[in-house]
Amino acid sequence: MLVLLVGIFLLHITTVILLLAATIHNGWWVSSILSTDIWGRWSLIGSHWNYTDLPSSYPEGYLQAVQASSVLACVFSAIGLFVFVAQLFTLPKGKRFTFSGIFQLLACLCIMIAASIYTDIFHKDESNAEYGPSFILAWISFALTFISCVIYFVLRKKTT
């Protein structure tokens, strides 16, 4: 059981790191001279990358929804990690992993909402670039948080 708990802990740490990387890194939409994230845009001018604000053509409400959902996913996953460690030492068997599973489910839903809105609303008419590594990390984070959530709910039923 100790090996299983260590594996779950490492999976949870991995999801937190991937969520943070997807939220912070500037690679949601990339080309050879442009890199856009959910916070701003980097343009290659000469040999230097310059930070600029996002274009005014971006719908502000949707952009704020993507930003808020991404940040909330990071927060919920980090809280879930601390709750997981705390539950190991405080709650009785059979009740241990419920709260961790709930926080991971919330993180899963938040990053799914962020990536879905970004996919549906932004860059529909732009064909000179493609989705970048941060966008892909967001979807990988969704899958890993969902797997982690399912593992927590399955372990809740088992006696440890």
Protein backbone atom coordinates (compact mmCIF):
# COMPACT_ATOMS: atom_id res chain seq x y z
CA MET A 1 0.00 0.00 0.00
CA LEU A 2 2.92 2.33 0.65
CA VAL A 3 4.07 2.00 -2.96
CA LEU A 4 0.55 2.84 -4.15
CA LEU A 5 0.42 5.94 -1.95
CA VAL A 6 3.82 7.11 -3.19
CA GLY A 7 2.68 6.57 -6.78
CA ILE A 8 -0.48 8.59 -6.18
CA PHE A 9 1.55 11.34 -4.51
CA LEU A 10 3.93 11.50 -7.49
CA LEU A 11 0.98 11.57 -9.93
CA HIS A 12 -0.53 14.43 -7.97
CA ILE A 13 2.77 16.36 -7.91
CA THR A 14 3.05 15.81 -11.67
CA THR A 15 -0.43 17.19 -12.30
CA VAL A 16 0.26 20.28 -10.18
CA ILE A 17 3.48 20.96 -12.10
CA LEU A 18 1.80 20.45 -15.47
CA LEU A 19 -1.11 22.71 -14.51
CA LEU A 20 1.30 25.44 -13.42
CA ALA A 21 3.35 25.07 -16.60
CA ALA A 22 0.25 25.23 -18.78
CA THR A 23 -1.00 28.32 -16.98
CA ILE A 24 2.28 30.24 -16.82
CA HIS A 25 4.16 29.31 -19.99
CA ASN A 26 3.69 31.42 -23.12
CA GLY A 27 2.86 28.74 -25.64
CA TRP A 28 -0.89 28.38 -26.10
CA TRP A 29 -0.78 29.62 -29.71
CA VAL A 30 2.58 29.71 -31.51
CA SER A 31 4.23 30.46 -34.83
CA SER A 32 7.80 31.22 -35.82
CA ILE A 33 7.40 34.94 -34.98
CA LEU A 34 4.58 34.89 -32.43
CA SER A 35 3.84 33.19 -29.13
CA THR A 36 0.57 33.79 -27.31
CA ASP A 37 -0.55 32.63 -23.91
CA ILE A 38 -3.57 33.48 -21.80
CA TRP A 39 -1.85 36.54 -20.33
CA GLY A 40 -0.10 38.25 -23.25
CA ARG A 41 1.62 37.94 -26.59
CA TRP A 42 5.30 37.70 -27.44
CA SER A 43 6.40 38.94 -30.88
CA LEU A 44 9.78 38.41 -32.51
CA ILE A 45 11.05 41.77 -33.71
CA GLY A 46 14.54 41.58 -35.15
CA SER A 47 16.29 39.13 -32.86
CA HIS A 48 14.43 40.01 -29.65
CA TRP A 49 11.15 38.77 -28.23
CA ASN A 50 8.91 41.64 -27.11
CA TYR A 51 5.97 41.31 -24.75
CA THR A 52 2.73 43.00 -25.78
CA ASP A 53 -0.84 42.94 -24.57
CA LEU A 54 -3.31 40.58 -26.16
CA PRO A 55 -5.16 42.03 -29.16
CA SER A 56 -8.38 43.90 -28.47
CA SER A 57 -10.14 41.47 -30.81
CA TYR A 58 -10.00 38.82 -28.06
CA PRO A 59 -13.37 38.65 -26.28
CA GLU A 60 -12.50 39.91 -22.80
CA GLY A 61 -15.13 37.90 -20.95
CA TYR A 62 -14.00 34.62 -22.47
CA LEU A 63 -10.35 35.47 -21.87
CA GLN A 64 -11.03 36.17 -18.20
CA ALA A 65 -12.93 32.89 -17.95
CA VAL A 66 -9.93 31.01 -19.38
CA GLN A 67 -7.52 32.81 -17.04
CA ALA A 68 -9.68 32.27 -13.96
CA SER A 69 -10.34 28.61 -14.76
CA SER A 70 -6.64 27.92 -15.28
CA VAL A 71 -5.67 29.57 -12.01
CA LEU A 72 -8.47 27.80 -10.14
CA ALA A 73 -7.32 24.45 -11.52
CA CYS A 74 -3.85 25.09 -10.10
CA VAL A 75 -5.26 26.19 -6.75
CA PHE A 76 -7.66 23.24 -6.43
CA SER A 77 -4.98 20.73 -7.35
CA ALA A 78 -2.48 22.22 -4.87
CA ILE A 79 -5.12 22.22 -2.11
CA GLY A 80 -5.96 18.63 -3.03
CA LEU A 81 -2.31 17.67 -2.56
CA PHE A 82 -2.15 19.20 0.92
CA VAL A 83 -5.48 17.61 1.83
CA PHE A 84 -4.19 14.22 0.62
CA VAL A 85 -1.18 14.41 2.93
CA ALA A 86 -3.30 15.67 5.84
CA GLN A 87 -5.91 12.93 5.35
CA LEU A 88 -3.31 10.21 5.63
CA PHE A 89 -2.65 11.19 9.23
CA THR A 90 -6.00 12.49 10.47
CA LEU A 91 -8.99 10.65 9.00
CA PRO A 92 -10.01 7.06 9.76
CA LYS A 93 -9.84 4.33 7.17
CA GLY A 94 -12.64 4.42 4.61
CA LYS A 95 -12.96 8.22 4.69
CA ARG A 96 -9.46 9.20 3.67
CA PHE A 97 -9.49 10.15 0.02
CA THR A 98 -12.90 11.77 -0.46
CA PHE A 99 -11.81 15.39 -0.13
CA SER A 100 -8.70 14.90 -2.26
CA GLY A 101 -10.86 13.36 -4.96
CA ILE A 102 -13.29 16.28 -4.82
CA PHE A 103 -10.49 18.83 -5.19
CA GLN A 104 -9.00 16.89 -8.10
CA LEU A 105 -12.43 16.72 -9.74
CA LEU A 106 -12.76 20.49 -9.41
CA ALA A 107 -9.27 20.99 -10.88
CA CYS A 108 -10.14 18.62 -13.71
CA LEU A 109 -13.32 20.52 -14.54
CA CYS A 110 -11.60 23.92 -14.34
CA ILE A 111 -8.76 23.07 -16.73
CA MET A 112 -11.23 21.38 -19.09
CA ILE A 113 -13.35 24.53 -19.12
CA ALA A 114 -10.30 26.72 -19.77
CA ALA A 115 -8.97 24.59 -22.63
CA SER A 116 -12.44 24.14 -24.14
CA ILE A 117 -13.21 27.85 -24.17
CA TYR A 118 -9.78 28.60 -25.64
CA THR A 119 -10.33 25.99 -28.35
CA ASP A 120 -13.79 27.20 -29.27
CA ILE A 121 -13.43 30.98 -29.07
CA PHE A 122 -9.86 32.03 -29.91
CA HIS A 123 -7.87 31.81 -33.16
CA LYS A 124 -10.70 30.51 -35.34
CA ASP A 125 -9.68 32.62 -38.33
CA GLU A 126 -5.92 32.38 -37.87
CA SER A 127 -4.27 29.72 -40.00
CA ASN A 128 -0.65 30.89 -39.85
CA ALA A 129 0.04 29.36 -36.43
CA GLU A 130 -0.92 26.35 -34.33
CA TYR A 131 -1.74 25.33 -30.79
CA GLY A 132 1.40 25.26 -28.70
CA PRO A 133 2.89 23.17 -25.91
CA SER A 134 1.03 24.91 -23.08
CA PHE A 135 -2.30 24.18 -24.73
CA ILE A 136 -1.30 20.52 -25.07
CA LEU A 137 -0.12 20.47 -21.44
CA ALA A 138 -3.51 21.80 -20.40
CA TRP A 139 -5.26 18.84 -22.05
CA ILE A 140 -2.72 16.37 -20.64
CA SER A 141 -3.32 17.92 -17.20
CA PHE A 142 -7.04 17.39 -17.69
CA ALA A 143 -6.49 13.69 -18.34
CA LEU A 144 -4.11 13.26 -15.40
CA THR A 145 -6.34 15.10 -12.94
CA PHE A 146 -9.27 12.99 -14.06
CA ILE A 147 -7.26 9.79 -13.57
CA SER A 148 -6.12 11.03 -10.16
CA CYS A 149 -9.69 11.85 -9.20
CA VAL A 150 -10.89 8.39 -10.18
CA ILE A 151 -8.04 6.77 -8.24
CA TYR A 152 -8.94 8.75 -5.12
CA PHE A 153 -12.59 7.74 -5.34
CA VAL A 154 -11.69 4.08 -5.91
CA LEU A 155 -9.24 4.10 -2.99
CA ARG A 156 -11.90 5.65 -0.76
CA LYS A 157 -13.83 2.41 -0.95
CA LYS A 158 -10.83 0.27 -0.01
CA THR A 159 -9.51 -0.10 3.50
CA THR A 160 -5.94 1.13 3.86
